[in-house]
Structure formats: structure tokens, C-alpha cells
PDB file of N, CA and C in Angstrom:
ATOM      1  N   MET A   1     132.479  38.762-100.302  1.00  0.00           N
ATOM      2  CA  MET A   1     132.789  37.532 -99.611  1.00  0.00           C
ATOM      3  C   MET A   1     131.556  37.076 -98.819  1.00  0.00           C
ATOM      4  N   ALA A   2     131.249  35.813 -98.933  1.00  0.00           N
ATOM      5  CA  ALA A   2     130.161  35.244 -98.127  1.00  0.00           C
ATOM      6  C   ALA A   2     130.603  35.177 -96.668  1.00  0.00           C
ATOM      7  N   MET A   3     129.644  35.364 -95.787  1.00  0.00           N
ATOM      8  CA  MET A   3     129.944  35.305 -94.361  1.00  0.00           C
ATOM      9  C   MET A   3     129.395  33.998 -93.795  1.00  0.00           C
ATOM     10  N   SER A   4     130.006  33.556 -92.716  1.00  0.00           N
ATOM     11  CA  SER A   4     129.548  32.344 -92.055  1.00  0.00           C
ATOM     12  C   SER A   4     128.464  32.694 -91.034  1.00  0.00           C
ATOM     13  N   ASN A   5     127.984  31.704 -90.360  1.00  0.00           N
ATOM     14  CA  ASN A   5     127.032  31.937 -89.272  1.00  0.00           C
ATOM     15  C   ASN A   5     127.744  31.749 -87.934  1.00  0.00           C
ATOM     16  N   LYS A   6     129.029  32.128 -87.904  1.00  0.00           N
ATOM     17  CA  LYS A   6     129.833  32.024 -86.688  1.00  0.00           C
ATOM     18  C   LYS A   6     129.796  33.338 -85.920  1.00  0.00           C
ATOM     19  N   PHE A   7     129.931  33.225 -84.628  1.00  0.00           N
ATOM     20  CA  PHE A   7     129.931  34.380 -83.732  1.00  0.00           C
ATOM     21  C   PHE A   7     131.138  34.203 -82.818  1.00  0.00           C
ATOM     22  N   ALA A   8     131.969  35.241 -82.703  1.00  0.00           N
ATOM     23  CA  ALA A   8     133.189  35.112 -81.897  1.00  0.00           C
ATOM     24  C   ALA A   8     133.451  36.383 -81.098  1.00  0.00           C
ATOM     25  N   TRP A   9     134.095  36.208 -79.947  1.00  0.00           N
ATOM     26  CA  TRP A   9     134.497  37.333 -79.118  1.00  0.00           C
ATOM     27  C   TRP A   9     135.616  36.876 -78.196  1.00  0.00           C
ATOM     28  N   THR A  10     136.235  37.816 -77.536  1.00  0.00           N
ATOM     29  CA  THR A  10     137.241  37.489 -76.531  1.00  0.00           C
ATOM     30  C   THR A  10     136.875  38.160 -75.220  1.00  0.00           C
ATOM     31  N   TRP A  11     137.321  37.558 -74.164  1.00  0.00           N
ATOM     32  CA  TRP A  11     137.206  38.117 -72.828  1.00  0.00           C
ATOM     33  C   TRP A  11     138.487  37.825 -72.084  1.00  0.00           C
ATOM     34  N   LYS A  12     138.787  38.672 -71.135  1.00  0.00           N
ATOM     35  CA  LYS A  12     139.865  38.383 -70.202  1.00  0.00           C
ATOM     36  C   LYS A  12     139.226  37.959 -68.891  1.00  0.00           C
ATOM     37  N   ILE A  13     139.831  36.961 -68.282  1.00  0.00           N
ATOM     38  CA  ILE A  13     139.370  36.457 -66.992  1.00  0.00           C
ATOM     39  C   ILE A  13     140.349  36.962 -65.941  1.00  0.00           C
ATOM     40  N   LYS A  14     139.806  37.384 -64.828  1.00  0.00           N
ATOM     41  CA  LYS A  14     140.641  37.883 -63.741  1.00  0.00           C
ATOM     42  C   LYS A  14     141.620  36.786 -63.329  1.00  0.00           C
ATOM     43  N   GLU A  15     142.880  37.171 -63.162  1.00  0.00           N
ATOM     44  CA  GLU A  15     143.944  36.204 -62.857  1.00  0.00           C
ATOM     45  C   GLU A  15     143.581  35.304 -61.679  1.00  0.00           C
ATOM     46  N   GLU A  16     143.005  35.894 -60.637  1.00  0.00           N
ATOM     47  CA  GLU A  16     142.693  35.120 -59.439  1.00  0.00           C
ATOM     48  C   GLU A  16     141.540  34.131 -59.649  1.00  0.00           C
ATOM     49  N   CYS A  17     140.872  34.218 -60.798  1.00  0.00           N
ATOM     50  CA  CYS A  17     139.725  33.347 -61.081  1.00  0.00           C
ATOM     51  C   CYS A  17     140.020  32.295 -62.153  1.00  0.00           C
ATOM     52  N   LEU A  18     141.216  32.325 -62.713  1.00  0.00           N
ATOM     53  CA  LEU A  18     141.532  31.451 -63.846  1.00  0.00           C
ATOM     54  C   LEU A  18     141.277  29.976 -63.554  1.00  0.00           C
ATOM     55  N   GLU A  19     141.790  29.492 -62.462  1.00  0.00           N
ATOM     56  CA  GLU A  19     141.669  28.066 -62.151  1.00  0.00           C
ATOM     57  C   GLU A  19     140.203  27.636 -62.041  1.00  0.00           C
ATOM     58  N   GLU A  20     139.411  28.417 -61.334  1.00  0.00           N
ATOM     59  CA  GLU A  20     137.995  28.083 -61.167  1.00  0.00           C
ATOM     60  C   GLU A  20     137.239  28.183 -62.491  1.00  0.00           C
ATOM     61  N   TYR A  21     137.535  29.214 -63.291  1.00  0.00           N
ATOM     62  CA  TYR A  21     136.866  29.410 -64.572  1.00  0.00           C
ATOM     63  C   TYR A  21     137.124  28.228 -65.501  1.00  0.00           C
ATOM     64  N   VAL A  22     138.381  27.824 -65.586  1.00  0.00           N
ATOM     65  CA  VAL A  22     138.727  26.689 -66.441  1.00  0.00           C
ATOM     66  C   VAL A  22     138.067  25.416 -65.923  1.00  0.00           C
ATOM     67  N   ALA A  23     138.099  25.195 -64.612  1.00  0.00           N
ATOM     68  CA  ALA A  23     137.487  23.993 -64.030  1.00  0.00           C
ATOM     69  C   ALA A  23     135.993  23.921 -64.353  1.00  0.00           C
ATOM     70  N   LEU A  24     135.305  25.046 -64.263  1.00  0.00           N
ATOM     71  CA  LEU A  24     133.874  25.064 -64.593  1.00  0.00           C
ATOM     72  C   LEU A  24     133.644  24.652 -66.044  1.00  0.00           C
ATOM     73  N   HIS A  25     134.492  25.132 -66.934  1.00  0.00           N
ATOM     74  CA  HIS A  25     134.293  24.849 -68.350  1.00  0.00           C
ATOM     75  C   HIS A  25     134.789  23.461 -68.759  1.00  0.00           C
ATOM     76  N   LEU A  26     135.651  22.860 -67.955  1.00  0.00           N
ATOM     77  CA  LEU A  26     136.061  21.480 -68.233  1.00  0.00           C
ATOM     78  C   LEU A  26     134.978  20.487 -67.814  1.00  0.00           C
ATOM     79  N   ALA A  27     134.086  20.916 -66.935  1.00  0.00           N
ATOM     80  CA  ALA A  27     132.988  20.059 -66.473  1.00  0.00           C
ATOM     81  C   ALA A  27     131.705  20.878 -66.380  1.00  0.00           C
ATOM     82  N   PRO A  28     131.198  21.342 -67.540  1.00  0.00           N
ATOM     83  CA  PRO A  28     129.997  22.190 -67.505  1.00  0.00           C
ATOM     84  C   PRO A  28     128.768  21.414 -67.035  1.00  0.00           C
ATOM     85  N   TRP A  29     127.855  22.140 -66.424  1.00  0.00           N
ATOM     86  CA  TRP A  29     126.608  21.525 -65.978  1.00  0.00           C
ATOM     87  C   TRP A  29     125.833  20.995 -67.189  1.00  0.00           C
ATOM     88  N   PRO A  30     125.251  19.826 -67.086  1.00  0.00           N
ATOM     89  CA  PRO A  30     124.480  19.273 -68.215  1.00  0.00           C
ATOM     90  C   PRO A  30     123.359  20.203 -68.682  1.00  0.00           C
ATOM     91  N   GLU A  31     122.706  20.888 -67.735  1.00  0.00           N
ATOM     92  CA  GLU A  31     121.609  21.776 -68.139  1.00  0.00           C
ATOM     93  C   GLU A  31     122.108  22.985 -68.930  1.00  0.00           C
ATOM     94  N   ILE A  32     123.341  23.400 -68.710  1.00  0.00           N
ATOM     95  CA  ILE A  32     123.918  24.495 -69.497  1.00  0.00           C
ATOM     96  C   ILE A  32     124.111  24.033 -70.943  1.00  0.00           C
ATOM     97  N   MET A  33     124.601  22.823 -71.084  1.00  0.00           N
ATOM     98  CA  MET A  33     124.815  22.279 -72.427  1.00  0.00           C
ATOM     99  C   MET A  33     123.480  22.157 -73.176  1.00  0.00           C
ATOM    100  N   SER A  34     122.462  21.633 -72.505  1.00  0.00           N
ATOM    101  CA  SER A  34     121.176  21.465 -73.184  1.00  0.00           C
ATOM    102  C   SER A  34     120.516  22.802 -73.499  1.00  0.00           C
ATOM    103  N   GLU A  35     120.670  23.798 -72.627  1.00  0.00           N
ATOM    104  CA  GLU A  35     120.083  25.118 -72.891  1.00  0.00           C
ATOM    105  C   GLU A  35     120.751  25.780 -74.100  1.00  0.00           C
ATOM    106  N   HIS A  36     122.059  25.646 -74.221  1.00  0.00           N
ATOM    107  CA  HIS A  36     122.743  26.212 -75.390  1.00  0.00           C
ATOM    108  C   HIS A  36     122.293  25.511 -76.674  1.00  0.00           C
ATOM    109  N   SER A  37     122.141  24.205 -76.611  1.00  0.00           N
ATOM    110  CA  SER A  37     121.635  23.471 -77.776  1.00  0.00           C
ATOM    111  C   SER A  37     120.218  23.899 -78.119  1.00  0.00           C
ATOM    112  N   ARG A  38     119.369  24.048 -77.097  1.00  0.00           N
ATOM    113  CA  ARG A  38     117.982  24.487 -77.316  1.00  0.00           C
ATOM    114  C   ARG A  38     117.941  25.864 -77.959  1.00  0.00           C
ATOM    115  N   ALA A  39     118.922  26.703 -77.642  1.00  0.00           N
ATOM    116  CA  ALA A  39     118.986  28.052 -78.206  1.00  0.00           C
ATOM    117  C   ALA A  39     119.507  28.063 -79.644  1.00  0.00           C
ATOM    118  N   GLY A  40     119.946  26.906 -80.130  1.00  0.00           N
ATOM    119  CA  GLY A  40     120.437  26.826 -81.508  1.00  0.00           C
ATOM    120  C   GLY A  40     121.935  27.067 -81.629  1.00  0.00           C
ATOM    121  N   ILE A  41     122.635  27.067 -80.511  1.00  0.00           N
ATOM    122  CA  ILE A  41     124.088  27.260 -80.520  1.00  0.00           C
ATOM    123  C   ILE A  41     124.735  25.896 -80.741  1.00  0.00           C
ATOM    124  N   ARG A  42     125.684  25.854 -81.665  1.00  0.00           N
ATOM    125  CA  ARG A  42     126.359  24.593 -81.978  1.00  0.00           C
ATOM    126  C   ARG A  42     127.829  24.862 -82.310  1.00  0.00           C
ATOM    127  N   ASN A  43     128.608  23.805 -82.299  1.00  0.00           N
ATOM    128  CA  ASN A  43     130.046  23.906 -82.602  1.00  0.00           C
ATOM    129  C   ASN A  43     130.705  25.006 -81.782  1.00  0.00           C
ATOM    130  N   TYR A  44     130.422  25.021 -80.505  1.00  0.00           N
ATOM    131  CA  TYR A  44     130.906  26.055 -79.584  1.00  0.00           C
ATOM    132  C   TYR A  44     132.263  25.628 -79.035  1.00  0.00           C
ATOM    133  N   SER A  45     133.248  26.478 -79.194  1.00  0.00           N
ATOM    134  CA  SER A  45     134.587  26.220 -78.670  1.00  0.00           C
ATOM    135  C   SER A  45     135.066  27.422 -77.882  1.00  0.00           C
ATOM    136  N   ILE A  46     135.870  27.143 -76.871  1.00  0.00           N
ATOM    137  CA  ILE A  46     136.538  28.189 -76.102  1.00  0.00           C
ATOM    138  C   ILE A  46     138.014  27.823 -76.063  1.00  0.00           C
ATOM    139  N   PHE A  47     138.858  28.787 -76.418  1.00  0.00           N
ATOM    140  CA  PHE A  47     140.300  28.594 -76.411  1.00  0.00           C
ATOM    141  C   PHE A  47     140.915  29.551 -75.400  1.00  0.00           C
ATOM    142  N   GLN A  48     141.976  29.104 -74.745  1.00  0.00           N
ATOM    143  CA  GLN A  48     142.636  29.906 -73.712  1.00  0.00           C
ATOM    144  C   GLN A  48     144.053  30.268 -74.136  1.00  0.00           C
ATOM    145  N   ASN A  49     144.424  31.524 -73.867  1.00  0.00           N
ATOM    146  CA  ASN A  49     145.795  32.009 -74.013  1.00  0.00           C
ATOM    147  C   ASN A  49     146.072  32.860 -72.777  1.00  0.00           C
ATOM    148  N   GLY A  50     146.653  32.255 -71.749  1.00  0.00           N
ATOM    149  CA  GLY A  50     146.847  32.973 -70.494  1.00  0.00           C
ATOM    150  C   GLY A  50     145.496  33.262 -69.868  1.00  0.00           C
ATOM    151  N   ASN A  51     145.227  34.555 -69.607  1.00  0.00           N
ATOM    152  CA  ASN A  51     143.918  34.897 -69.056  1.00  0.00           C
ATOM    153  C   ASN A  51     142.961  35.426 -70.123  1.00  0.00           C
ATOM    154  N   GLN A  52     143.362  35.336 -71.387  1.00  0.00           N
ATOM    155  CA  GLN A  52     142.477  35.730 -72.478  1.00  0.00           C
ATOM    156  C   GLN A  52     141.839  34.474 -73.068  1.00  0.00           C
ATOM    157  N   PHE A  53     140.526  34.550 -73.268  1.00  0.00           N
ATOM    158  CA  PHE A  53     139.774  33.427 -73.808  1.00  0.00           C
ATOM    159  C   PHE A  53     139.090  33.856 -75.099  1.00  0.00           C
ATOM    160  N   PHE A  54     139.107  32.978 -76.073  1.00  0.00           N
ATOM    161  CA  PHE A  54     138.493  33.209 -77.377  1.00  0.00           C
ATOM    162  C   PHE A  54     137.316  32.257 -77.496  1.00  0.00           C
ATOM    163  N   TYR A  55     136.149  32.804 -77.777  1.00  0.00           N
ATOM    164  CA  TYR A  55     134.898  32.046 -77.848  1.00  0.00           C
ATOM    165  C   TYR A  55     134.385  32.087 -79.282  1.00  0.00           C
ATOM    166  N   CYS A  56     133.957  30.947 -79.784  1.00  0.00           N
ATOM    167  CA  CYS A  56     133.423  30.901 -81.139  1.00  0.00           C
ATOM    168  C   CYS A  56     132.345  29.826 -81.208  1.00  0.00           C
ATOM    169  N   PHE A  57     131.205  30.188 -81.780  1.00  0.00           N
ATOM    170  CA  PHE A  57     130.157  29.198 -82.004  1.00  0.00           C
ATOM    171  C   PHE A  57     129.416  29.528 -83.281  1.00  0.00           C
ATOM    172  N   GLU A  58     128.637  28.573 -83.737  1.00  0.00           N
ATOM    173  CA  GLU A  58     127.764  28.764 -84.889  1.00  0.00           C
ATOM    174  C   GLU A  58     126.336  28.866 -84.401  1.00  0.00           C
ATOM    175  N   CYS A  59     125.575  29.717 -85.068  1.00  0.00           N
ATOM    176  CA  CYS A  59     124.173  29.912 -84.703  1.00  0.00           C
ATOM    177  C   CYS A  59     123.471  30.634 -85.848  1.00  0.00           C
ATOM    178  N   ASP A  60     122.280  30.189 -86.175  1.00  0.00           N
ATOM    179  CA  ASP A  60     121.544  30.828 -87.264  1.00  0.00           C
ATOM    180  C   ASP A  60     120.907  32.146 -86.853  1.00  0.00           C
ATOM    181  N   ASP A  61     120.580  32.312 -85.572  1.00  0.00           N
ATOM    182  CA  ASP A  61     119.948  33.538 -85.090  1.00  0.00           C
ATOM    183  C   ASP A  61     120.502  33.862 -83.696  1.00  0.00           C
ATOM    184  N   VAL A  62     121.582  34.623 -83.660  1.00  0.00           N
ATOM    185  CA  VAL A  62     122.273  34.928 -82.404  1.00  0.00           C
ATOM    186  C   VAL A  62     121.376  35.705 -81.450  1.00  0.00           C
ATOM    187  N   GLU A  63     120.632  36.668 -81.945  1.00  0.00           N
ATOM    188  CA  GLU A  63     119.767  37.460 -81.069  1.00  0.00           C
ATOM    189  C   GLU A  63     118.724  36.581 -80.387  1.00  0.00           C
ATOM    190  N   ALA A  64     118.107  35.679 -81.128  1.00  0.00           N
ATOM    191  CA  ALA A  64     117.129  34.763 -80.539  1.00  0.00           C
ATOM    192  C   ALA A  64     117.806  33.833 -79.539  1.00  0.00           C
ATOM    193  N   ALA A  65     118.996  33.362 -79.873  1.00  0.00           N
ATOM    194  CA  ALA A  65     119.732  32.478 -78.961  1.00  0.00           C
ATOM    195  C   ALA A  65     120.038  33.185 -77.653  1.00  0.00           C
ATOM    196  N   PHE A  66     120.490  34.430 -77.731  1.00  0.00           N
ATOM    197  CA  PHE A  66     120.812  35.168 -76.516  1.00  0.00           C
ATOM    198  C   PHE A  66     119.561  35.435 -75.675  1.00  0.00           C
ATOM    199  N   ARG A  67     118.405  35.619 -76.315  1.00  0.00           N
ATOM    200  CA  ARG A  67     117.156  35.783 -75.560  1.00  0.00           C
ATOM    201  C   ARG A  67     116.822  34.502 -74.791  1.00  0.00           C
ATOM    202  N   ILE A  68     117.016  33.363 -75.431  1.00  0.00           N
ATOM    203  CA  ILE A  68     116.747  32.080 -74.771  1.00  0.00           C
ATOM    204  C   ILE A  68     117.704  31.883 -73.599  1.00  0.00           C
ATOM    205  N   ILE A  69     118.987  32.149 -73.820  1.00  0.00           N
ATOM    206  CA  ILE A  69     119.986  32.003 -72.756  1.00  0.00           C
ATOM    207  C   ILE A  69     119.660  32.965 -71.611  1.00  0.00           C
ATOM    208  N   ASP A  70     119.310  34.195 -71.943  1.00  0.00           N
ATOM    209  CA  ASP A  70     118.994  35.197 -70.921  1.00  0.00           C
ATOM    210  C   ASP A  70     117.771  34.794 -70.100  1.00  0.00           C
ATOM    211  N   GLY A  71     116.836  34.061 -70.698  1.00  0.00           N
ATOM    212  CA  GLY A  71     115.633  33.642 -69.996  1.00  0.00           C
ATOM    213  C   GLY A  71     115.764  32.301 -69.286  1.00  0.00           C
ATOM    214  N   SER A  72     116.926  31.701 -69.375  1.00  0.00           N
ATOM    215  CA  SER A  72     117.144  30.383 -68.792  1.00  0.00           C
ATOM    216  C   SER A  72     117.588  30.489 -67.335  1.00  0.00           C
ATOM    217  N   GLU A  73     116.864  29.824 -66.450  1.00  0.00           N
ATOM    218  CA  GLU A  73     117.206  29.832 -65.026  1.00  0.00           C
ATOM    219  C   GLU A  73     118.586  29.214 -64.806  1.00  0.00           C
ATOM    220  N   ALA A  74     118.870  28.108 -65.482  1.00  0.00           N
ATOM    221  CA  ALA A  74     120.170  27.445 -65.326  1.00  0.00           C
ATOM    222  C   ALA A  74     121.301  28.346 -65.816  1.00  0.00           C
ATOM    223  N   CYS A  75     121.111  28.970 -66.966  1.00  0.00           N
ATOM    224  CA  CYS A  75     122.150  29.863 -67.500  1.00  0.00           C
ATOM    225  C   CYS A  75     122.338  31.089 -66.619  1.00  0.00           C
ATOM    226  N   ASN A  76     121.267  31.581 -66.030  1.00  0.00           N
ATOM    227  CA  ASN A  76     121.396  32.722 -65.119  1.00  0.00           C
ATOM    228  C   ASN A  76     122.174  32.342 -63.865  1.00  0.00           C
ATOM    229  N   ARG A  77     121.990  31.117 -63.363  1.00  0.00           N
ATOM    230  CA  ARG A  77     122.776  30.652 -62.209  1.00  0.00           C
ATOM    231  C   ARG A  77     124.254  30.534 -62.582  1.00  0.00           C
ATOM    232  N   TRP A  78     124.527  29.964 -63.751  1.00  0.00           N
ATOM    233  CA  TRP A  78     125.903  29.822 -64.252  1.00  0.00           C
ATOM    234  C   TRP A  78     126.538  31.198 -64.437  1.00  0.00           C
ATOM    235  N   ASN A  79     125.803  32.095 -65.080  1.00  0.00           N
ATOM    236  CA  ASN A  79     126.329  33.436 -65.348  1.00  0.00           C
ATOM    237  C   ASN A  79     126.553  34.233 -64.068  1.00  0.00           C
ATOM    238  N   ALA A  80     125.763  33.985 -63.037  1.00  0.00           N
ATOM    239  CA  ALA A  80     125.971  34.666 -61.756  1.00  0.00           C
ATOM    240  C   ALA A  80     127.332  34.297 -61.172  1.00  0.00           C
ATOM    241  N   ILE A  81     127.766  33.083 -61.422  1.00  0.00           N
ATOM    242  CA  ILE A  81     129.086  32.640 -60.950  1.00  0.00           C
ATOM    243  C   ILE A  81     130.188  33.172 -61.852  1.00  0.00           C
ATOM    244  N   THR A  82     130.065  32.929 -63.151  1.00  0.00           N
ATOM    245  CA  THR A  82     131.160  33.258 -64.066  1.00  0.00           C
ATOM    246  C   THR A  82     131.283  34.751 -64.365  1.00  0.00           C
ATOM    247  N   SER A  83     130.204  35.494 -64.247  1.00  0.00           N
ATOM    248  CA  SER A  83     130.269  36.927 -64.563  1.00  0.00           C
ATOM    249  C   SER A  83     131.204  37.677 -63.627  1.00  0.00           C
ATOM    250  N   LYS A  84     131.378  37.180 -62.420  1.00  0.00           N
ATOM    251  CA  LYS A  84     132.289  37.819 -61.473  1.00  0.00           C
ATOM    252  C   LYS A  84     133.750  37.568 -61.836  1.00  0.00           C
ATOM    253  N   MET A  85     133.982  36.634 -62.734  1.00  0.00           N
ATOM    254  CA  MET A  85     135.337  36.265 -63.130  1.00  0.00           C
ATOM    255  C   MET A  85     135.818  37.018 -64.365  1.00  0.00           C
ATOM    256  N   VAL A  86     134.879  37.588 -65.111  1.00  0.00           N
ATOM    257  CA  VAL A  86     135.165  38.230 -66.395  1.00  0.00           C
ATOM    258  C   VAL A  86     135.497  39.707 -66.210  1.00  0.00           C
ATOM    259  N   GLU A  87     136.493  40.171 -66.960  1.00  0.00           N
ATOM    260  CA  GLU A  87     136.770  41.604 -67.021  1.00  0.00           C
ATOM    261  C   GLU A  87     135.892  42.180 -68.127  1.00  0.00           C
ATOM    262  N   GLY A  88     134.864  42.908 -67.774  1.00  0.00           N
ATOM    263  CA  GLY A  88     133.960  43.475 -68.767  1.00  0.00           C
ATOM    264  C   GLY A  88     132.530  43.055 -68.494  1.00  0.00           C
ATOM    265  N   SER A  89     131.642  43.434 -69.408  1.00  0.00           N
ATOM    266  CA  SER A  89     130.216  43.194 -69.223  1.00  0.00           C
ATOM    267  C   SER A  89     129.832  41.783 -69.619  1.00  0.00           C
ATOM    268  N   PHE A  90     128.987  41.207 -68.805  1.00  0.00           N
ATOM    269  CA  PHE A  90     128.488  39.857 -69.022  1.00  0.00           C
ATOM    270  C   PHE A  90     126.965  39.864 -68.997  1.00  0.00           C
ATOM    271  N   ASP A  91     126.377  41.013 -68.750  1.00  0.00           N
ATOM    272  CA  ASP A  91     124.947  41.154 -68.537  1.00  0.00           C
ATOM    273  C   ASP A  91     124.217  41.289 -69.870  1.00  0.00           C
ATOM    274  N   PHE A  92     123.350  40.315 -70.175  1.00  0.00           N
ATOM    275  CA  PHE A  92     122.614  40.365 -71.431  1.00  0.00           C
ATOM    276  C   PHE A  92     121.618  41.515 -71.476  1.00  0.00           C
ATOM    277  N   ALA A  93     121.348  42.153 -70.355  1.00  0.00           N
ATOM    278  CA  ALA A  93     120.470  43.314 -70.335  1.00  0.00           C
ATOM    279  C   ALA A  93     121.213  44.566 -70.811  1.00  0.00           C
ATOM    280  N   ASP A  94     122.535  44.529 -70.799  1.00  0.00           N
ATOM    281  CA  ASP A  94     123.324  45.660 -71.307  1.00  0.00           C
ATOM    282  C   ASP A  94     123.119  45.787 -72.813  1.00  0.00           C
ATOM    283  N   ALA A  95     123.332  46.984 -73.312  1.00  0.00           N
ATOM    284  CA  ALA A  95     123.167  47.213 -74.746  1.00  0.00           C
ATOM    285  C   ALA A  95     124.129  46.344 -75.557  1.00  0.00           C
ATOM    286  N   GLU A  96     125.329  46.136 -75.039  1.00  0.00           N
ATOM    287  CA  GLU A  96     126.321  45.327 -75.752  1.00  0.00           C
ATOM    288  C   GLU A  96     127.098  44.483 -74.742  1.00  0.00           C
ATOM    289  N   PRO A  97     126.511  43.365 -74.319  1.00  0.00           N
ATOM    290  CA  PRO A  97     127.180  42.565 -73.291  1.00  0.00           C
ATOM    291  C   PRO A  97     128.428  41.865 -73.804  1.00  0.00           C
ATOM    292  N   ILE A  98     128.436  41.554 -75.069  1.00  0.00           N
ATOM    293  CA  ILE A  98     129.574  40.904 -75.708  1.00  0.00           C
ATOM    294  C   ILE A  98     129.900  41.734 -76.944  1.00  0.00           C
ATOM    295  N   LYS A  99     131.163  42.052 -77.128  1.00  0.00           N
ATOM    296  CA  LYS A  99     131.556  42.790 -78.328  1.00  0.00           C
ATOM    297  C   LYS A  99     132.013  41.781 -79.375  1.00  0.00           C
ATOM    298  N   PRO A 100     131.143  41.482 -80.351  1.00  0.00           N
ATOM    299  CA  PRO A 100     131.497  40.465 -81.339  1.00  0.00           C
ATOM    300  C   PRO A 100     132.673  40.910 -82.198  1.00  0.00           C
ATOM    301  N   MET A 101     133.462  39.923 -82.580  1.00  0.00           N
ATOM    302  CA  MET A 101     134.584  40.177 -83.472  1.00  0.00           C
ATOM    303  C   MET A 101     134.070  40.168 -84.910  1.00  0.00           C
ATOM    304  N   ARG A 102     134.661  41.001 -85.733  1.00  0.00           N
ATOM    305  CA  ARG A 102     134.294  41.071 -87.145  1.00  0.00           C
ATOM    306  C   ARG A 102     134.946  39.907 -87.888  1.00  0.00           C
ATOM    307  N   GLU A 103     134.166  39.217 -88.648  1.00  0.00           N
ATOM    308  CA  GLU A 103     134.712  38.130 -89.488  1.00  0.00           C
ATOM    309  C   GLU A 103     135.268  38.754 -90.760  1.00  0.00           C
ATOM    310  N   VAL A 104     136.544  38.493 -91.031  1.00  0.00           N
ATOM    311  CA  VAL A 104     137.176  39.059 -92.220  1.00  0.00           C
ATOM    312  C   VAL A 104     137.580  37.979 -93.235  1.00  0.00           C
ATOM    313  N   PHE A 105     137.430  36.720 -92.872  1.00  0.00           N
ATOM    314  CA  PHE A 105     137.755  35.639 -93.792  1.00  0.00           C
ATOM    315  C   PHE A 105     136.902  34.435 -93.445  1.00  0.00           C
ATOM    316  N   TYR A 106     136.415  33.760 -94.478  1.00  0.00           N
ATOM    317  CA  TYR A 106     135.615  32.555 -94.288  1.00  0.00           C
ATOM    318  C   TYR A 106     135.863  31.629 -95.459  1.00  0.00           C
ATOM    319  N   LEU A 107     136.337  30.435 -95.177  1.00  0.00           N
ATOM    320  CA  LEU A 107     136.522  29.395 -96.190  1.00  0.00           C
ATOM    321  C   LEU A 107     135.502  28.311 -95.920  1.00  0.00           C
ATOM    322  N   LYS A 108     134.595  28.116 -96.823  1.00  0.00           N
ATOM    323  CA  LYS A 108     133.526  27.130 -96.639  1.00  0.00           C
ATOM    324  C   LYS A 108     134.026  25.751 -96.977  1.00  0.00           C
TER     325      LYS A 108
END
């Protein structure tokens, strides 16, 4: 089976942070949007189910994109806020900051 260039993962957000987390993502900073585009991230969606969030985007080179995001001053400011809301690792310096989901089906 051919694979897509999609990258997906889930995170749980701390219950006490849900309202703020959603509000931030309903009105993201313009510089965050441009930095993600500069990193080659496109078609990025986040879906919510209670305090569990599903993230999916397309990118031709995820490792390069994450290096750009990690080196971005704006993204580091954003991540300093949102990382306190996430249950789990958010630090790109960690060996595995995001545990990607395995793609098992792709219809082109």
C-alpha cells in the first residue's frame, strides 16, 4: 500500500486547560501560522473529542519541519504556553516529543 505524506498524533489536554487551549487554537497568532507554512506544513487540522485532540497535517519532510518549528522564536513562545496544558511530552529536544500514529489506510 502506498503511504501518504500525512503525520498524525493525539494528545490529551488537562481538563482545567481545555477552554484556554481551544481559545488559543480558534485564534492562532499570525506568526505561528506563517512559521508552520514556512516549515512546509500544510492541510493541518486539529479535532477535539472531550479532552483528547487529534492532530493531522501533510508535510514532505517532517523532521526538517520540526527543526524549523523548534528554531522559531514565535513557536517557542507559543509552545511555552501550550506545553503546560498537554499531558505528555511537548519538548522537541526529547527523543520522541510526539508519538506519531501509524497510517494503516490511504485512499488517494
